[in-house]
Protein backbone atom coordinates (compact mmCIF):
# COMPACT_ATOMS: atom_id res chain seq x y z
CA MET A 1 0.00 0.00 0.00
CA GLY A 2 1.24 3.50 -0.84
CA ILE A 3 0.84 6.87 0.79
CA SER A 4 -1.97 8.94 -0.68
CA GLY A 5 -1.64 12.67 -1.31
CA ARG A 6 1.55 14.66 -1.01
CA ARG A 7 1.93 14.76 2.75
CA PRO A 8 5.34 13.87 4.22
CA VAL A 9 5.89 10.20 5.02
CA ARG A 10 5.92 9.71 8.80
CA VAL A 11 8.98 7.63 9.57
CA ALA A 12 11.01 6.32 12.51
CA VAL A 13 14.55 4.94 12.63
CA ILE A 14 15.16 1.80 14.69
CA GLY A 15 18.79 1.48 15.73
CA VAL A 16 20.74 4.75 15.70
CA GLY A 17 24.33 3.57 16.02
CA SER A 18 27.09 4.40 13.53
CA LEU A 19 24.82 3.93 10.50
CA GLY A 20 21.32 4.46 11.86
CA GLN A 21 22.16 7.96 13.08
CA HIS A 22 22.72 8.91 9.43
CA HIS A 23 19.31 7.52 8.50
CA ALA A 24 17.85 9.84 11.12
CA ARG A 25 19.89 12.81 9.88
CA ILE A 26 18.78 12.33 6.29
CA PHE A 27 15.10 11.71 7.02
CA ALA A 28 15.07 14.80 9.24
CA GLY A 29 16.31 16.90 6.33
CA LEU A 30 14.03 15.58 3.59
CA GLU A 31 10.88 17.48 2.68
CA GLU A 32 9.25 14.20 1.67
CA ALA A 33 9.62 12.79 5.20
CA ARG A 34 8.76 13.70 8.74
CA LEU A 35 11.03 11.99 11.24
CA VAL A 36 8.79 11.17 14.20
CA ALA A 37 10.97 9.08 16.51
CA VAL A 38 14.22 7.19 16.93
CA VAL A 39 14.53 3.87 18.76
CA ASP A 40 17.60 2.34 20.35
CA ALA A 41 18.14 -0.15 23.17
CA ASP A 42 20.73 2.26 24.56
CA PRO A 43 18.63 5.08 26.09
CA ASP A 44 21.52 7.55 26.08
CA ARG A 45 22.20 6.99 22.40
CA ALA A 46 18.51 7.28 21.56
CA ALA A 47 18.22 10.49 23.56
CA THR A 48 21.33 12.02 21.95
CA VAL A 49 20.16 11.39 18.37
CA ALA A 50 16.56 12.35 19.15
CA SER A 51 17.65 15.66 20.65
CA ARG A 52 19.53 16.59 17.46
CA HIS A 53 16.31 16.42 15.48
CA GLY A 54 13.67 17.30 18.05
CA VAL A 55 11.87 13.96 17.92
CA ALA A 56 10.75 11.31 20.39
CA SER A 57 13.40 9.10 22.00
CA LEU A 58 12.31 5.47 22.47
CA THR A 59 13.98 2.27 23.65
CA SER A 60 11.46 -0.28 22.33
CA CYS A 61 9.57 -0.85 19.09
CA ALA A 62 6.50 -1.48 21.22
CA ASP A 63 6.43 2.25 21.97
CA LEU A 64 6.34 3.40 18.35
CA PRO A 65 3.55 5.94 17.71
CA ARG A 66 0.42 4.67 16.00
CA ASP A 67 0.43 7.18 13.13
CA LEU A 68 3.65 5.98 11.50
CA ASP A 69 3.93 5.02 7.83
CA ALA A 70 7.40 3.49 7.67
CA VAL A 71 10.59 2.59 9.51
CA SER A 72 14.20 2.06 8.59
CA VAL A 73 15.89 -0.70 10.58
CA ALA A 74 19.61 -0.45 11.36
CA VAL A 75 19.91 -2.68 14.42
CA PRO A 76 22.51 -5.51 14.55
CA THR A 77 21.87 -8.17 11.90
CA SER A 78 20.94 -10.80 14.48
CA ALA A 79 17.93 -8.66 15.47
CA HIS A 80 16.66 -7.86 11.97
CA ALA A 81 14.05 -10.61 11.69
CA PRO A 82 12.06 -9.99 14.89
CA VAL A 83 12.16 -6.20 14.50
CA VAL A 84 11.21 -6.22 10.81
CA GLU A 85 8.40 -8.74 11.22
CA THR A 86 6.96 -6.83 14.17
CA CYS A 87 6.89 -3.64 12.10
CA LEU A 88 5.36 -5.35 9.06
CA ARG A 89 2.60 -6.82 11.21
CA ARG A 90 1.87 -3.30 12.41
CA GLY A 91 1.27 -2.30 8.81
CA LEU A 92 4.51 -0.35 8.33
CA ALA A 93 6.69 -0.20 5.23
CA VAL A 94 10.25 -1.27 6.06
CA LEU A 95 13.73 -0.55 4.77
CA VAL A 96 16.16 -2.95 6.47
CA GLU A 97 19.92 -2.51 6.30
CA LYS A 98 22.09 -5.16 4.68
CA PRO A 99 22.62 -8.01 5.21
CA MET A 100 18.90 -8.67 5.10
CA ALA A 101 19.06 -11.19 7.96
CA ALA A 102 21.40 -13.53 9.81
CA THR A 103 20.03 -16.64 8.05
CA LEU A 104 18.20 -17.48 4.85
CA GLY A 105 15.30 -18.83 6.89
CA GLU A 106 14.89 -15.51 8.68
CA ALA A 107 15.13 -13.56 5.43
CA ALA A 108 12.53 -15.77 3.75
CA SER A 109 10.22 -15.38 6.75
CA MET A 110 10.56 -11.59 6.52
CA ALA A 111 9.68 -11.67 2.82
CA ARG A 112 6.62 -13.85 3.47
CA GLU A 113 5.47 -11.53 6.24
CA ALA A 114 5.74 -8.53 3.91
CA GLU A 115 3.67 -10.36 1.30
CA ARG A 116 1.03 -11.33 3.87
CA ALA A 117 0.85 -7.80 5.23
CA GLY A 118 0.85 -6.22 1.78
CA ARG A 119 3.61 -3.87 2.84
CA LEU A 120 6.81 -2.70 1.19
CA LEU A 121 10.04 -4.41 2.28
CA LEU A 122 13.28 -3.14 0.76
CA VAL A 123 16.90 -3.94 1.61
CA GLY A 124 19.58 -1.29 2.17
CA HIS A 125 22.30 -2.20 -0.31
CA THR A 126 23.49 1.39 -0.52
CA GLU A 127 26.08 0.95 -3.28
CA ARG A 128 23.27 0.35 -5.77
CA PHE A 129 22.35 3.99 -5.22
CA ASN A 130 25.87 5.28 -5.73
CA GLN A 131 25.55 7.53 -8.77
CA ILE A 132 28.76 6.20 -10.33
CA VAL A 133 27.36 2.65 -10.14
CA ARG A 134 24.20 3.82 -11.88
CA ALA A 135 26.29 5.55 -14.57
CA ALA A 136 28.38 2.40 -15.05
CA ARG A 137 25.33 0.15 -15.30
CA SER A 138 24.11 2.03 -18.37
CA ARG A 139 27.41 1.18 -20.11
CA VAL A 140 27.60 -2.50 -19.17
CA ARG A 141 26.17 -4.86 -21.78
CA ASP A 142 27.76 -8.32 -21.55
CA PRO A 143 30.37 -8.56 -18.75
CA ARG A 144 32.90 -11.37 -19.16
CA VAL A 145 35.17 -10.68 -16.18
CA ILE A 146 34.44 -8.57 -13.09
CA GLU A 147 36.91 -7.68 -10.35
CA THR A 148 36.08 -5.92 -7.08
CA HIS A 149 38.25 -4.84 -4.16
CA ARG A 150 36.67 -3.54 -0.95
CA LEU A 151 39.32 -2.93 1.69
CA GLY A 152 38.95 -1.06 4.95
CA VAL A 153 40.89 -0.24 8.09
CA PHE A 154 39.93 -2.16 11.21
CA THR A 155 37.24 -0.81 13.53
CA ALA A 156 35.19 -2.48 16.25
CA ARG A 157 31.99 -1.84 14.26
CA SER A 158 30.16 -4.84 12.76
CA THR A 159 32.41 -7.45 14.33
CA ASP A 160 29.24 -9.46 15.06
CA VAL A 161 29.47 -10.64 11.42
CA ASP A 162 32.42 -11.60 9.23
CA VAL A 163 33.83 -9.53 6.39
CA VAL A 164 31.70 -11.34 3.81
CA LEU A 165 28.44 -10.16 5.37
CA ASP A 166 29.90 -6.83 6.48
CA LEU A 167 31.69 -5.64 3.33
CA MET A 168 31.78 -8.18 0.49
CA ILE A 169 28.00 -8.41 0.27
CA HIS A 170 27.93 -4.87 -1.17
CA ASP A 171 29.87 -6.03 -4.21
CA LEU A 172 28.03 -9.33 -4.47
CA ASP A 173 24.77 -7.42 -4.76
CA VAL A 174 26.17 -5.08 -7.43
CA ILE A 175 27.62 -8.01 -9.40
CA LEU A 176 24.36 -9.94 -9.25
CA SER A 177 22.54 -6.87 -10.58
CA LEU A 178 24.98 -6.60 -13.51
CA VAL A 179 25.12 -10.23 -14.63
CA PRO A 180 21.87 -11.62 -16.10
CA SER A 181 22.67 -15.23 -15.26
CA ARG A 182 22.53 -17.75 -12.46
CA ILE A 183 25.64 -18.65 -10.46
CA ALA A 184 27.10 -22.00 -11.51
CA SER A 185 29.82 -22.34 -8.85
CA ILE A 186 31.77 -20.49 -6.20
CA ASP A 187 35.36 -20.94 -4.97
CA SER A 188 36.21 -19.08 -1.78
CA VAL A 189 38.96 -18.57 0.77
CA GLY A 190 39.04 -16.62 4.03
CA VAL A 191 41.29 -15.85 6.97
CA HIS A 192 40.74 -15.03 10.64
CA ALA A 193 43.19 -12.30 11.60
CA LEU A 194 42.17 -9.89 14.36
CA THR A 195 38.77 -11.29 15.37
CA ASP A 196 37.06 -14.64 15.76
CA LYS A 197 35.28 -13.92 12.46
CA VAL A 198 36.72 -14.00 8.95
CA ASP A 199 38.49 -10.68 8.36
CA ILE A 200 39.83 -11.22 4.83
CA ALA A 201 38.00 -13.14 2.10
CA ASN A 202 38.15 -13.79 -1.61
CA ALA A 203 35.52 -15.48 -3.76
CA ARG A 204 35.46 -16.46 -7.42
CA LEU A 205 31.97 -16.64 -8.87
CA ARG A 206 31.34 -18.47 -12.14
CA PHE A 207 28.05 -17.77 -13.87
CA GLU A 208 26.19 -20.06 -16.24
CA ASN A 209 26.65 -17.58 -19.09
CA GLY A 210 30.45 -17.78 -18.72
CA CYS A 211 31.07 -14.58 -16.79
CA VAL A 212 33.56 -14.81 -13.93
CA ALA A 213 33.70 -12.43 -10.96
CA ASN A 214 36.64 -12.22 -8.58
CA VAL A 215 35.63 -10.53 -5.31
CA THR A 216 38.01 -9.49 -2.51
CA ALA A 217 37.14 -7.91 0.85
CA SER A 218 39.26 -7.05 3.88
CA ARG A 219 38.62 -5.04 7.02
CA ILE A 220 42.22 -5.03 8.26
CA SER A 221 43.93 -3.10 5.48
CA THR A 222 46.02 0.05 5.84
CA ASP A 223 44.14 1.83 3.05
CA ARG A 224 40.47 2.23 2.20
CA VAL A 225 39.74 0.91 -1.30
CA ARG A 226 36.35 0.59 -3.00
CA LYS A 227 36.80 -0.36 -6.67
CA LEU A 228 35.02 -2.34 -9.36
CA ARG A 229 36.30 -3.27 -12.83
CA VAL A 230 34.26 -4.77 -15.65
CA PHE A 231 35.83 -6.35 -18.75
CA GLU A 232 33.74 -6.96 -21.87
CA ALA A 233 34.67 -8.19 -25.35
CA ASP A 234 35.46 -4.68 -26.58
CA SER A 235 35.65 -2.50 -23.48
CA TYR A 236 37.06 -2.01 -19.99
CA LEU A 237 35.29 -0.04 -17.29
CA SER A 238 36.66 0.96 -13.89
CA ILE A 239 34.88 2.80 -11.08
CA ASP A 240 35.87 4.06 -7.65
CA TYR A 241 32.84 3.86 -5.37
CA ALA A 242 34.29 6.19 -2.75
CA ARG A 243 35.42 8.94 -5.13
CA GLN A 244 32.32 8.45 -7.29
CA GLU A 245 34.55 8.48 -10.35
CA GLY A 246 34.75 6.16 -13.33
CA VAL A 247 36.32 5.70 -16.74
CA ARG A 248 35.56 3.45 -19.70
CA TYR A 249 37.86 2.44 -22.54
CA ALA A 250 36.14 1.06 -25.63
CA LEU A 251 37.41 -0.30 -28.94
CA ARG A 252 35.93 1.55 -31.88
CA ARG A 253 36.24 0.37 -35.49
CA PRO A 254 35.36 3.26 -37.83
CA PRO A 255 34.60 2.12 -41.40
CA GLY A 256 37.71 2.39 -43.55
CA SER A 257 39.94 3.36 -40.63
CA GLN A 258 42.19 1.67 -38.15
CA PRO A 259 40.58 0.54 -34.86
CA GLU A 260 41.06 3.00 -32.02
CA ILE A 261 40.66 3.09 -28.26
CA VAL A 262 38.18 5.69 -27.03
CA ARG A 263 38.35 6.95 -23.45
CA GLU A 264 35.15 8.07 -21.75
CA GLN A 265 35.06 9.74 -18.36
CA LEU A 266 31.85 8.68 -16.67
CA ALA A 267 29.71 11.57 -15.44
CA ALA A 268 27.95 11.16 -12.12
CA ALA A 269 26.51 13.58 -9.60
CA ASN A 270 28.46 13.51 -6.35
CA GLU A 271 25.45 12.72 -4.17
CA GLU A 272 25.42 10.77 -0.91
CA PRO A 273 24.27 7.23 -1.80
CA LEU A 274 22.33 6.82 1.44
CA LEU A 275 20.40 10.01 0.68
CA VAL A 276 19.51 8.69 -2.77
CA GLU A 277 18.46 5.36 -1.28
CA LEU A 278 16.22 6.83 1.43
CA ARG A 279 14.58 9.23 -1.00
CA ALA A 280 13.89 6.31 -3.37
CA PHE A 281 12.33 4.37 -0.47
CA LEU A 282 9.95 7.26 0.15
CA LEU A 283 9.08 7.51 -3.54
CA ARG A 284 8.33 3.78 -3.76
CA LEU A 285 6.15 4.10 -0.69
CA ARG A 286 4.19 6.79 -2.51
CA GLY A 287 3.71 4.40 -5.43
CA GLU A 288 6.13 6.25 -7.71
CA ASP A 289 8.77 4.63 -9.88
CA ALA A 290 12.17 4.63 -8.19
CA PRO A 291 15.16 2.26 -8.00
CA ALA A 292 15.04 -0.27 -5.19
CA VAL A 293 16.64 -3.45 -3.86
CA THR A 294 13.71 -5.79 -3.36
CA ALA A 295 13.39 -8.50 -0.73
CA ASP A 296 14.04 -11.13 -3.43
CA GLU A 297 17.27 -9.39 -4.44
CA GLY A 298 18.30 -9.05 -0.81
CA LEU A 299 17.67 -12.78 -0.40
CA ARG A 300 19.81 -13.63 -3.41
CA ALA A 301 22.73 -11.52 -2.19
CA LEU A 302 22.43 -13.09 1.27
CA GLU A 303 22.27 -16.61 -0.18
CA THR A 304 25.46 -15.98 -2.15
CA ALA A 305 27.25 -14.46 0.84
CA LEU A 306 26.25 -17.30 3.16
CA ARG A 307 27.45 -19.88 0.65
CA ILE A 308 30.86 -18.20 0.72
CA VAL A 309 30.81 -18.10 4.53
CA GLU A 310 29.87 -21.79 4.62
CA GLN A 311 32.73 -22.78 2.32
CA ILE A 312 35.26 -20.87 4.39
CA SER A 313 33.90 -22.36 7.60
CA GLU A 314 34.03 -25.90 6.21
CA ALA A 315 37.68 -25.33 5.37
CA GLY A 316 38.48 -24.11 8.87
CA GLY A 317 38.36 -20.39 8.14
CA ASP A 318 41.78 -20.17 6.53
CA ALA A 319 41.47 -22.19 3.35
CA GLY A 320 39.22 -22.41 0.31
CA GLY A 321 36.32 -24.51 -0.85
CA ARG A 322 34.36 -25.27 -3.98
CA GLY A 323 30.66 -25.53 -4.43
CA GLY A 324 27.67 -24.58 -6.52
CA ILE A 325 24.40 -22.80 -5.91
CA PRO A 326 21.48 -24.71 -7.40
């Protein structure tokens, strides 16, 4: 169900830690939204974020006001399923941060609940809303080889999940959106370094149409790198997610002339991806056409990530494995 008329969408943010606080900031600044409340199990954190925006400070979803339209959920992944399903049963539209859930069973249950309730459920894969990714997608036709590197310096944030679900899943989602084919097999390797979770991982995805994607993620690097490269039969495209910059080299064969390499600088507005994502969520809630990562797409990205996690775990966390996704 959508929102009728042009009134602002009444929204609350559940979980206002390092990421959720930015959801609150953006909603508070959008004309299309009216931030009503923030919720966090830590009362001091909830009060601090709520005071910035002049909204209600809550510590439980049970206390959410009755006149809400939607929520964004940025609590720890292990709590996604109960929070999201509670909100859907209340008739609220939901945007849940990635990864969609801790398990495929939980994610599937969330999707079924959204269908039963007739409410919108979208997944927060923010890189899809990065303007340079959107510019690149319009140039990609038939990728043969894809390489991604997502490296970050170590922080204590998100150590409840391994690097595959924390960082790599961003690139898995983008790759799955670019390649119109099913995955045939995955080879993966991972290493425990500073935590009891996998901190460095690499996966090689082979698709049924012949495309191969090599995906690397680390959260214990000295530099922050966010890059994607796409190789096609007659072109090479490279983007930097963080800088929102990209370039494409294409082979052109003018009639009667020698082939030449043409360089194209990709043009993209330098706009905060989370802002684009949250605005699109509001537009979809109004029934307007806007980009989105659906529950089915969130499930597919999670399924792929968990298969990689499973392979690494079966190999003891510091070796590789081979397997297919049916």
